[in-house]
C-alpha atoms as a PDB file:
ATOM      1  CA  MET A   1     169.532-205.659  79.372  1.00  0.00           C
ATOM      2  CA  LYS A   2     172.921-204.072  78.998  1.00  0.00           C
ATOM      3  CA  LYS A   3     172.818-204.655  75.237  1.00  0.00           C
ATOM      4  CA  LEU A   4     169.418-202.989  75.028  1.00  0.00           C
ATOM      5  CA  LEU A   5     170.684-199.950  76.917  1.00  0.00           C
ATOM      6  CA  LYS A   6     173.725-199.824  74.657  1.00  0.00           C
ATOM      7  CA  TRP A   7     171.611-199.803  71.524  1.00  0.00           C
ATOM      8  CA  LYS A   8     169.307-197.150  72.989  1.00  0.00           C
ATOM      9  CA  ALA A   9     172.322-194.973  73.723  1.00  0.00           C
ATOM     10  CA  ILE A  10     173.620-195.437  70.172  1.00  0.00           C
ATOM     11  CA  ILE A  11     170.224-194.527  68.717  1.00  0.00           C
ATOM     12  CA  ILE A  12     169.942-191.437  70.932  1.00  0.00           C
ATOM     13  CA  LEU A  13     173.437-190.259  69.922  1.00  0.00           C
ATOM     14  CA  ALA A  14     172.599-190.787  66.251  1.00  0.00           C
ATOM     15  CA  LEU A  15     169.407-188.749  66.622  1.00  0.00           C
ATOM     16  CA  VAL A  16     171.263-185.962  68.413  1.00  0.00           C
ATOM     17  CA  ALA A  17     173.949-185.940  65.729  1.00  0.00           C
ATOM     18  CA  GLY A  18     171.328-185.816  62.980  1.00  0.00           C
ATOM     19  CA  ILE A  19     169.474-182.942  64.629  1.00  0.00           C
ATOM     20  CA  ALA A  20     172.763-181.068  65.163  1.00  0.00           C
ATOM     21  CA  THR A  21     173.702-181.623  61.522  1.00  0.00           C
ATOM     22  CA  LEU A  22     170.371-180.220  60.336  1.00  0.00           C
ATOM     23  CA  ALA A  23     170.692-177.251  62.670  1.00  0.00           C
ATOM     24  CA  TRP A  24     174.298-176.638  61.510  1.00  0.00           C
ATOM     25  CA  ALA A  25     173.284-176.844  57.856  1.00  0.00           C
ATOM     26  CA  GLY A  26     170.487-174.340  58.382  1.00  0.00           C
ATOM     27  CA  THR A  27     172.792-171.555  59.550  1.00  0.00           C
ATOM     28  CA  VAL A  28     175.250-169.322  57.656  1.00  0.00           C
ATOM     29  CA  HIS A  29     178.624-171.071  57.909  1.00  0.00           C
ATOM     30  CA  ARG A  30     181.536-168.710  58.616  1.00  0.00           C
ATOM     31  CA  PHE A  31     185.028-170.055  58.091  1.00  0.00           C
ATOM     32  CA  PRO A  32     188.424-168.686  59.076  1.00  0.00           C
ATOM     33  CA  TYR A  33     189.984-166.186  56.616  1.00  0.00           C
ATOM     34  CA  GLY A  34     186.633-164.546  55.981  1.00  0.00           C
ATOM     35  CA  ILE A  35     184.883-167.041  53.710  1.00  0.00           C
ATOM     36  CA  ALA A  36     181.174-167.630  54.141  1.00  0.00           C
ATOM     37  CA  ASN A  37     178.549-168.970  51.805  1.00  0.00           C
ATOM     38  CA  PRO A  38     177.432-167.000  49.806  1.00  0.00           C
ATOM     39  CA  TYR A  39     179.735-164.177  51.071  1.00  0.00           C
ATOM     40  CA  TRP A  40     183.424-163.467  51.593  1.00  0.00           C
ATOM     41  CA  TYR A  41     183.959-161.680  54.900  1.00  0.00           C
ATOM     42  CA  ASP A  42     186.927-159.784  56.244  1.00  0.00           C
ATOM     43  CA  TYR A  43     188.654-161.554  59.093  1.00  0.00           C
ATOM     44  CA  THR A  44     190.988-160.521  61.929  1.00  0.00           C
ATOM     45  CA  PRO A  45     193.380-163.438  62.673  1.00  0.00           C
ATOM     46  CA  SER A  46     194.674-161.962  65.972  1.00  0.00           C
ATOM     47  CA  THR A  47     191.208-161.955  67.531  1.00  0.00           C
ATOM     48  CA  ARG A  48     189.781-164.742  65.354  1.00  0.00           C
ATOM     49  CA  THR A  49     186.747-162.593  64.579  1.00  0.00           C
ATOM     50  CA  VAL A  50     184.766-162.079  61.391  1.00  0.00           C
ATOM     51  CA  GLY A  51     184.262-158.419  60.451  1.00  0.00           C
ATOM     52  CA  THR A  52     181.288-156.590  58.991  1.00  0.00           C
ATOM     53  CA  TYR A  53     182.742-156.003  55.510  1.00  0.00           C
ATOM     54  CA  TYR A  54     181.993-158.625  52.921  1.00  0.00           C
ATOM     55  CA  MET A  55     181.701-159.268  49.182  1.00  0.00           C
ATOM     56  CA  ALA A  56     178.577-160.954  47.875  1.00  0.00           C
ATOM     57  CA  LEU A  57     179.235-163.582  45.239  1.00  0.00           C
ATOM     58  CA  PRO A  58     177.153-163.417  42.051  1.00  0.00           C
ATOM     59  CA  THR A  59     174.651-166.062  41.095  1.00  0.00           C
ATOM     60  CA  LEU A  60     176.537-168.405  38.816  1.00  0.00           C
ATOM     61  CA  SER A  61     175.087-169.936  35.684  1.00  0.00           C
ATOM     62  CA  ALA A  62     178.393-171.424  34.519  1.00  0.00           C
ATOM     63  CA  ASN A  63     181.954-171.950  35.729  1.00  0.00           C
ATOM     64  CA  ASP A  64     183.585-168.645  36.650  1.00  0.00           C
ATOM     65  CA  THR A  65     186.809-167.283  38.149  1.00  0.00           C
ATOM     66  CA  ALA A  66     187.382-164.864  40.995  1.00  0.00           C
ATOM     67  CA  VAL A  67     189.728-161.941  40.308  1.00  0.00           C
ATOM     68  CA  GLY A  68     192.804-161.380  42.471  1.00  0.00           C
ATOM     69  CA  THR A  69     194.460-157.977  42.793  1.00  0.00           C
ATOM     70  CA  THR A  70     198.029-159.283  42.508  1.00  0.00           C
ATOM     71  CA  SER A  71     197.543-161.663  39.620  1.00  0.00           C
ATOM     72  CA  THR A  72     197.123-161.133  35.897  1.00  0.00           C
ATOM     73  CA  GLN A  73     193.759-162.474  34.764  1.00  0.00           C
ATOM     74  CA  THR A  74     191.606-162.248  31.659  1.00  0.00           C
ATOM     75  CA  LEU A  75     188.016-161.140  32.151  1.00  0.00           C
ATOM     76  CA  THR A  76     185.449-162.323  29.622  1.00  0.00           C
ATOM     77  CA  ASN A  77     181.865-161.066  29.317  1.00  0.00           C
ATOM     78  CA  LYS A  78     182.140-158.772  32.337  1.00  0.00           C
ATOM     79  CA  THR A  79     180.176-155.534  32.678  1.00  0.00           C
ATOM     80  CA  LEU A  80     182.010-152.728  34.498  1.00  0.00           C
ATOM     81  CA  THR A  81     179.636-149.994  35.669  1.00  0.00           C
ATOM     82  CA  SER A  82     181.319-146.549  35.970  1.00  0.00           C
ATOM     83  CA  PRO A  83     184.842-147.942  36.427  1.00  0.00           C
ATOM     84  CA  THR A  84     187.836-145.753  37.283  1.00  0.00           C
ATOM     85  CA  ILE A  85     191.033-146.819  35.492  1.00  0.00           C
ATOM     86  CA  THR A  86     194.186-145.225  36.861  1.00  0.00           C
ATOM     87  CA  GLY A  87     197.797-145.656  35.759  1.00  0.00           C
ATOM     88  CA  ALA A  88     200.102-146.532  38.653  1.00  0.00           C
ATOM     89  CA  SER A  89     203.182-144.328  39.075  1.00  0.00           C
ATOM     90  CA  ILE A  90     206.250-146.420  39.878  1.00  0.00           C
ATOM     91  CA  SER A  91     208.811-143.613  39.744  1.00  0.00           C
ATOM     92  CA  SER A  92     209.065-139.896  39.135  1.00  0.00           C
ATOM     93  CA  SER A  93     209.633-140.452  35.418  1.00  0.00           C
ATOM     94  CA  THR A  94     207.728-143.648  34.640  1.00  0.00           C
ATOM     95  CA  VAL A  95     203.981-144.197  34.698  1.00  0.00           C
ATOM     96  CA  ILE A  96     202.212-147.464  33.960  1.00  0.00           C
ATOM     97  CA  SER A  97     198.989-146.742  32.109  1.00  0.00           C
ATOM     98  CA  PRO A  98     196.276-149.189  31.092  1.00  0.00           C
ATOM     99  CA  THR A  99     196.390-150.493  27.534  1.00  0.00           C
ATOM    100  CA  ILE A 100     193.147-150.995  25.613  1.00  0.00           C
ATOM    101  CA  SER A 101     193.296-152.985  22.380  1.00  0.00           C
ATOM    102  CA  GLY A 102     190.690-153.921  19.812  1.00  0.00           C
ATOM    103  CA  SER A 103     187.579-152.033  18.737  1.00  0.00           C
ATOM    104  CA  ILE A 104     185.628-149.875  21.177  1.00  0.00           C
ATOM    105  CA  THR A 105     181.907-149.762  20.475  1.00  0.00           C
ATOM    106  CA  GLY A 106     178.866-148.523  22.305  1.00  0.00           C
ATOM    107  CA  SER A 107     177.337-145.274  23.409  1.00  0.00           C
ATOM    108  CA  GLY A 108     179.555-142.573  24.876  1.00  0.00           C
ATOM    109  CA  VAL A 109     182.823-144.022  23.571  1.00  0.00           C
ATOM    110  CA  VAL A 110     185.697-141.908  22.305  1.00  0.00           C
ATOM    111  CA  SER A 111     185.074-140.691  18.768  1.00  0.00           C
ATOM    112  CA  ALA A 112     186.607-138.237  16.331  1.00  0.00           C
ATOM    113  CA  THR A 113     184.635-135.399  17.929  1.00  0.00           C
ATOM    114  CA  ASN A 114     186.475-135.987  21.211  1.00  0.00           C
ATOM    115  CA  ILE A 115     189.897-135.564  19.633  1.00  0.00           C
ATOM    116  CA  ALA A 116     191.296-132.086  19.105  1.00  0.00           C
ATOM    117  CA  ASP A 117     193.376-130.782  16.196  1.00  0.00           C
ATOM    118  CA  VAL A 118     191.550-132.615  13.389  1.00  0.00           C
ATOM    119  CA  VAL A 119     192.215-129.813  10.881  1.00  0.00           C
ATOM    120  CA  ARG A 120     194.947-130.623   8.358  1.00  0.00           C
ATOM    121  CA  HIS A 121     196.713-128.384   5.830  1.00  0.00           C
ATOM    122  CA  VAL A 122     198.098-128.925   2.333  1.00  0.00           C
ATOM    123  CA  GLN A 123     200.790-126.344   1.649  1.00  0.00           C
ATOM    124  CA  LEU A 124     200.636-124.618  -1.759  1.00  0.00           C
ATOM    125  CA  PRO A 125     204.211-123.429  -2.438  1.00  0.00           C
ATOM    126  CA  ILE A 126     204.544-120.081  -4.178  1.00  0.00           C
ATOM    127  CA  MET A 127     207.096-121.416  -6.642  1.00  0.00           C
ATOM    128  CA  ALA A 128     204.692-124.208  -7.709  1.00  0.00           C
ATOM    129  CA  PHE A 129     202.061-121.830  -9.115  1.00  0.00           C
ATOM    130  CA  THR A 130     202.035-121.337 -12.864  1.00  0.00           C
ATOM    131  CA  HIS A 131     201.071-118.330 -14.971  1.00  0.00           C
ATOM    132  CA  ASN A 132     197.545-118.971 -16.237  1.00  0.00           C
ATOM    133  CA  GLY A 133     198.325-122.684 -16.244  1.00  0.00           C
ATOM    134  CA  SER A 134     200.661-122.424 -19.209  1.00  0.00           C
ATOM    135  CA  ALA A 135     204.041-121.051 -18.156  1.00  0.00           C
ATOM    136  CA  ALA A 136     206.301-120.672 -15.150  1.00  0.00           C
ATOM    137  CA  LEU A 137     206.252-117.411 -13.256  1.00  0.00           C
ATOM    138  CA  THR A 138     209.311-115.195 -13.580  1.00  0.00           C
ATOM    139  CA  SER A 139     210.313-111.668 -12.653  1.00  0.00           C
ATOM    140  CA  SER A 140     209.156-110.494 -16.096  1.00  0.00           C
ATOM    141  CA  THR A 141     205.713-112.138 -16.269  1.00  0.00           C
ATOM    142  CA  ALA A 142     202.502-110.402 -15.214  1.00  0.00           C
ATOM    143  CA  PRO A 143     201.896-111.350 -12.487  1.00  0.00           C
ATOM    144  CA  GLY A 144     205.503-112.082 -11.669  1.00  0.00           C
ATOM    145  CA  LEU A 145     207.912-113.111  -8.941  1.00  0.00           C
ATOM    146  CA  GLU A 146     209.331-110.440  -6.670  1.00  0.00           C
ATOM    147  CA  ALA A 147     211.099-110.336  -3.317  1.00  0.00           C
ATOM    148  CA  ASP A 148     209.246-108.108  -0.838  1.00  0.00           C
ATOM    149  CA  ASP A 149     209.538-108.036   2.965  1.00  0.00           C
ATOM    150  CA  ASN A 150     212.357-110.609   2.718  1.00  0.00           C
ATOM    151  CA  VAL A 151     209.858-113.121   1.284  1.00  0.00           C
ATOM    152  CA  MET A 152     209.284-114.325  -2.280  1.00  0.00           C
ATOM    153  CA  ASN A 153     205.951-112.967  -3.593  1.00  0.00           C
ATOM    154  CA  ILE A 154     203.692-113.298  -6.607  1.00  0.00           C
ATOM    155  CA  VAL A 155     202.889-109.682  -7.474  1.00  0.00           C
ATOM    156  CA  TRP A 156     200.039-108.126  -9.455  1.00  0.00           C
ATOM    157  CA  ALA A 157     200.453-104.462 -10.330  1.00  0.00           C
ATOM    158  CA  ASP A 158     197.473-102.177 -10.827  1.00  0.00           C
ATOM    159  CA  GLY A 159     195.482-103.328 -13.869  1.00  0.00           C
ATOM    160  CA  GLU A 160     196.946-106.883 -13.926  1.00  0.00           C
ATOM    161  CA  THR A 161     194.273-109.568 -13.472  1.00  0.00           C
ATOM    162  CA  THR A 162     195.758-112.705 -15.049  1.00  0.00           C
ATOM    163  CA  PRO A 163     195.133-115.770 -12.831  1.00  0.00           C
ATOM    164  CA  ILE A 164     197.793-118.068 -11.417  1.00  0.00           C
ATOM    165  CA  GLN A 165     196.991-121.656 -10.537  1.00  0.00           C
ATOM    166  CA  ILE A 166     198.158-124.808  -8.787  1.00  0.00           C
ATOM    167  CA  THR A 167     196.778-128.371  -8.804  1.00  0.00           C
ATOM    168  CA  PHE A 168     196.849-130.734  -5.793  1.00  0.00           C
ATOM    169  CA  ARG A 169     195.232-133.985  -4.676  1.00  0.00           C
ATOM    170  CA  VAL A 170     192.746-134.001  -1.764  1.00  0.00           C
ATOM    171  CA  PRO A 171     194.385-136.227   0.910  1.00  0.00           C
ATOM    172  CA  SER A 172     193.068-139.703   1.703  1.00  0.00           C
ATOM    173  CA  ASP A 173     192.151-138.687   5.273  1.00  0.00           C
ATOM    174  CA  TYR A 174     189.748-135.984   4.035  1.00  0.00           C
ATOM    175  CA  ALA A 175     186.422-136.046   5.918  1.00  0.00           C
ATOM    176  CA  SER A 176     184.694-132.713   5.276  1.00  0.00           C
ATOM    177  CA  GLY A 177     185.090-129.001   4.685  1.00  0.00           C
ATOM    178  CA  GLY A 178     187.798-127.577   2.474  1.00  0.00           C
ATOM    179  CA  ALA A 179     188.855-123.938   2.068  1.00  0.00           C
ATOM    180  CA  PHE A 180     191.958-121.877   1.368  1.00  0.00           C
ATOM    181  CA  LYS A 181     194.100-119.393   3.239  1.00  0.00           C
ATOM    182  CA  VAL A 182     196.219-116.848   1.398  1.00  0.00           C
ATOM    183  CA  PHE A 183     199.021-114.873   3.073  1.00  0.00           C
ATOM    184  CA  ALA A 184     199.469-111.476   1.404  1.00  0.00           C
ATOM    185  CA  THR A 185     200.453-107.815   1.667  1.00  0.00           C
ATOM    186  CA  GLU A 186     199.971-104.755  -0.548  1.00  0.00           C
ATOM    187  CA  SER A 187     202.144-101.828  -1.485  1.00  0.00           C
ATOM    188  CA  SER A 188     199.471 -99.210  -0.722  1.00  0.00           C
ATOM    189  CA  SER A 189     196.630 -99.343   1.767  1.00  0.00           C
ATOM    190  CA  THR A 190     194.598 -96.376   0.502  1.00  0.00           C
ATOM    191  CA  THR A 191     192.087 -98.828  -0.986  1.00  0.00           C
ATOM    192  CA  PRO A 192     192.631-102.493  -0.003  1.00  0.00           C
ATOM    193  CA  ASN A 193     193.383-104.979  -2.763  1.00  0.00           C
ATOM    194  CA  GLN A 194     190.969-107.876  -3.287  1.00  0.00           C
ATOM    195  CA  VAL A 195     191.742-111.513  -4.104  1.00  0.00           C
ATOM    196  CA  ASP A 196     189.384-113.262  -6.507  1.00  0.00           C
ATOM    197  CA  PHE A 197     189.413-117.051  -7.025  1.00  0.00           C
ATOM    198  CA  ASP A 198     187.770-120.170  -8.398  1.00  0.00           C
ATOM    199  CA  VAL A 199     188.367-123.946  -8.460  1.00  0.00           C
ATOM    200  CA  TYR A 200     188.145-126.863 -10.877  1.00  0.00           C
ATOM    201  CA  VAL A 201     187.519-130.303  -9.354  1.00  0.00           C
ATOM    202  CA  ASN A 202     188.458-133.505 -11.193  1.00  0.00           C
ATOM    203  CA  ALA A 203     188.356-137.209 -10.370  1.00  0.00           C
ATOM    204  CA  ASP A 204     189.685-140.474 -11.756  1.00  0.00           C
ATOM    205  CA  GLY A 205     187.521-141.858 -14.565  1.00  0.00           C
ATOM    206  CA  THR A 206     185.353-138.723 -14.794  1.00  0.00           C
ATOM    207  CA  ALA A 207     185.223-136.227 -17.651  1.00  0.00           C
ATOM    208  CA  ALA A 208     187.409-133.176 -16.984  1.00  0.00           C
ATOM    209  CA  ASP A 209     185.726-130.268 -15.207  1.00  0.00           C
ATOM    210  CA  ALA A 210     185.019-127.691 -17.925  1.00  0.00           C
ATOM    211  CA  SER A 211     183.640-124.819 -15.855  1.00  0.00           C
ATOM    212  CA  ALA A 212     184.265-123.086 -12.560  1.00  0.00           C
ATOM    213  CA  THR A 213     182.165-120.700 -10.487  1.00  0.00           C
ATOM    214  CA  ASN A 214     183.719-117.301  -9.911  1.00  0.00           C
ATOM    215  CA  GLN A 215     183.756-116.872  -6.135  1.00  0.00           C
ATOM    216  CA  THR A 216     183.245-113.682  -4.126  1.00  0.00           C
ATOM    217  CA  PRO A 217     186.491-111.622  -3.908  1.00  0.00           C
ATOM    218  CA  VAL A 218     187.997-111.149  -0.447  1.00  0.00           C
ATOM    219  CA  ALA A 219     189.693-107.870   0.517  1.00  0.00           C
ATOM    220  CA  LEU A 220     192.902-107.559   2.480  1.00  0.00           C
ATOM    221  CA  ALA A 221     192.877-105.610   5.738  1.00  0.00           C
ATOM    222  CA  GLY A 222     194.511-102.659   3.972  1.00  0.00           C
ATOM    223  CA  THR A 223     197.825-102.301   5.800  1.00  0.00           C
ATOM    224  CA  THR A 224     201.109-102.205   3.907  1.00  0.00           C
ATOM    225  CA  SER A 225     203.540-103.207   6.656  1.00  0.00           C
ATOM    226  CA  THR A 226     201.610-106.101   8.232  1.00  0.00           C
ATOM    227  CA  PRO A 227     200.860-109.344   6.316  1.00  0.00           C
ATOM    228  CA  ASP A 228     197.215-110.366   6.194  1.00  0.00           C
ATOM    229  CA  GLU A 229     195.960-113.972   6.157  1.00  0.00           C
ATOM    230  CA  ILE A 230     192.613-114.120   4.386  1.00  0.00           C
ATOM    231  CA  THR A 231     190.254-117.092   4.082  1.00  0.00           C
ATOM    232  CA  LEU A 232     188.843-118.065   0.690  1.00  0.00           C
ATOM    233  CA  THR A 233     185.756-120.253   1.088  1.00  0.00           C
ATOM    234  CA  VAL A 234     184.391-122.065  -1.965  1.00  0.00           C
ATOM    235  CA  ALA A 235     180.643-121.474  -1.981  1.00  0.00           C
ATOM    236  CA  THR A 236     179.624-123.908  -4.715  1.00  0.00           C
ATOM    237  CA  ASP A 237     182.074-126.216  -6.473  1.00  0.00           C
ATOM    238  CA  PHE A 238     183.137-128.114  -3.319  1.00  0.00           C
ATOM    239  CA  ALA A 239     179.652-129.552  -2.707  1.00  0.00           C
ATOM    240  CA  SER A 240     180.797-133.077  -3.642  1.00  0.00           C
ATOM    241  CA  LEU A 241     184.469-132.808  -2.704  1.00  0.00           C
ATOM    242  CA  ALA A 242     185.981-136.130  -1.606  1.00  0.00           C
ATOM    243  CA  ALA A 243     189.301-137.743  -0.817  1.00  0.00           C
ATOM    244  CA  GLY A 244     191.257-138.471  -3.995  1.00  0.00           C
ATOM    245  CA  HIS A 245     189.800-135.598  -6.004  1.00  0.00           C
ATOM    246  CA  TRP A 246     192.212-133.326  -7.862  1.00  0.00           C
ATOM    247  CA  VAL A 247     191.636-129.619  -7.295  1.00  0.00           C
ATOM    248  CA  THR A 248     192.944-126.793  -9.460  1.00  0.00           C
ATOM    249  CA  PHE A 249     192.993-123.609  -7.387  1.00  0.00           C
ATOM    250  CA  ARG A 250     193.167-120.282  -9.260  1.00  0.00           C
ATOM    251  CA  ILE A 251     193.601-116.812  -7.766  1.00  0.00           C
ATOM    252  CA  TRP A 252     194.002-113.353  -9.291  1.00  0.00           C
ATOM    253  CA  ARG A 253     193.775-109.687  -8.432  1.00  0.00           C
ATOM    254  CA  ASP A 254     190.240-108.355  -8.593  1.00  0.00           C
ATOM    255  CA  ASP A 255     190.792-104.954 -10.203  1.00  0.00           C
ATOM    256  CA  THR A 256     187.303-103.632  -9.486  1.00  0.00           C
ATOM    257  CA  ALA A 257     188.574-101.827  -6.374  1.00  0.00           C
ATOM    258  CA  THR A 258     190.072 -98.397  -7.121  1.00  0.00           C
ATOM    259  CA  GLY A 259     193.310 -98.975  -5.240  1.00  0.00           C
ATOM    260  CA  THR A 260     196.512 -98.749  -7.268  1.00  0.00           C
ATOM    261  CA  GLY A 261     198.922-100.553  -4.937  1.00  0.00           C
ATOM    262  CA  ASP A 262     200.517-103.915  -5.796  1.00  0.00           C
ATOM    263  CA  LEU A 263     198.926-107.139  -4.535  1.00  0.00           C
ATOM    264  CA  GLU A 264     201.719-109.302  -3.078  1.00  0.00           C
ATOM    265  CA  VAL A 265     200.821-112.946  -2.352  1.00  0.00           C
ATOM    266  CA  LYS A 266     203.372-114.638  -0.098  1.00  0.00           C
ATOM    267  CA  GLY A 267     201.852-118.071   0.523  1.00  0.00           C
ATOM    268  CA  GLY A 268     198.805-120.305   0.368  1.00  0.00           C
ATOM    269  CA  THR A 269     197.336-123.420   1.928  1.00  0.00           C
ATOM    270  CA  PHE A 270     194.311-125.723   1.570  1.00  0.00           C
ATOM    271  CA  TYR A 271     192.797-126.871   4.864  1.00  0.00           C
ATOM    272  CA  TYR A 272     190.111-129.441   5.712  1.00  0.00           C
ATOM    273  CA  THR A 273     188.716-131.642   8.486  1.00  0.00           C
ATOM    274  CA  ALA A 274     190.437-135.022   8.611  1.00  0.00           C
ATOM    275  CA  THR A 275     189.267-138.452   9.754  1.00  0.00           C
ATOM    276  CA  GLN A 276     190.770-139.963  12.928  1.00  0.00           C
END
């Protein structure tokens, strides 16, 4: 009889334990240090209580790794939605900033249009111009070299219209555009002088450019004591301009205007929009 009661007691305890196990398994299991399945909760050790803040774990389809704030870890195939990346200042003179390497692709990424100062200049030194492409400029040629306003100038007197020219290579970072700026003064502002110009464009393996389009002359502002920077925009012959092309830039005094003062060119530059 005692054996029977003993076995009954064992069976009852086993049933109770099984029911308790099923009931335990059917509830959310919260562990110390804020870990629950499928959440991580905050936890207050002093009161041994689980807080209301938690992080939901993602549904896993393969092995993955949790990220810790104090460890260096590599994230692969992660999507960050509207992240804020801030460099941490560790002293008054040193700042740790995030480093991004490799290619950045996608919509809304940084591109050349987001970067300022993409205009580049090719300086055209006064002393590098030649007289009509055949001889060096001197103080006795027409036009000729002359010091005015403490600057070396190429000077055309009234009635002188012979072109000067210089040849340069379009830089390899050329993207678009292309125009000239000329820095000049005049000896009389009664009727402003005008600068006329044209260009020849040549390329490797292509027959030499045999003709140029005479561009529209540009007048100076008409003041004798203040230099004037004018812009010379090529309306036609730069339609197919590309990096690596060789450009011959010619300028001369347009003598159609009735002014009799000297045209004094002090400098020139070619400018363009560069790639990034």
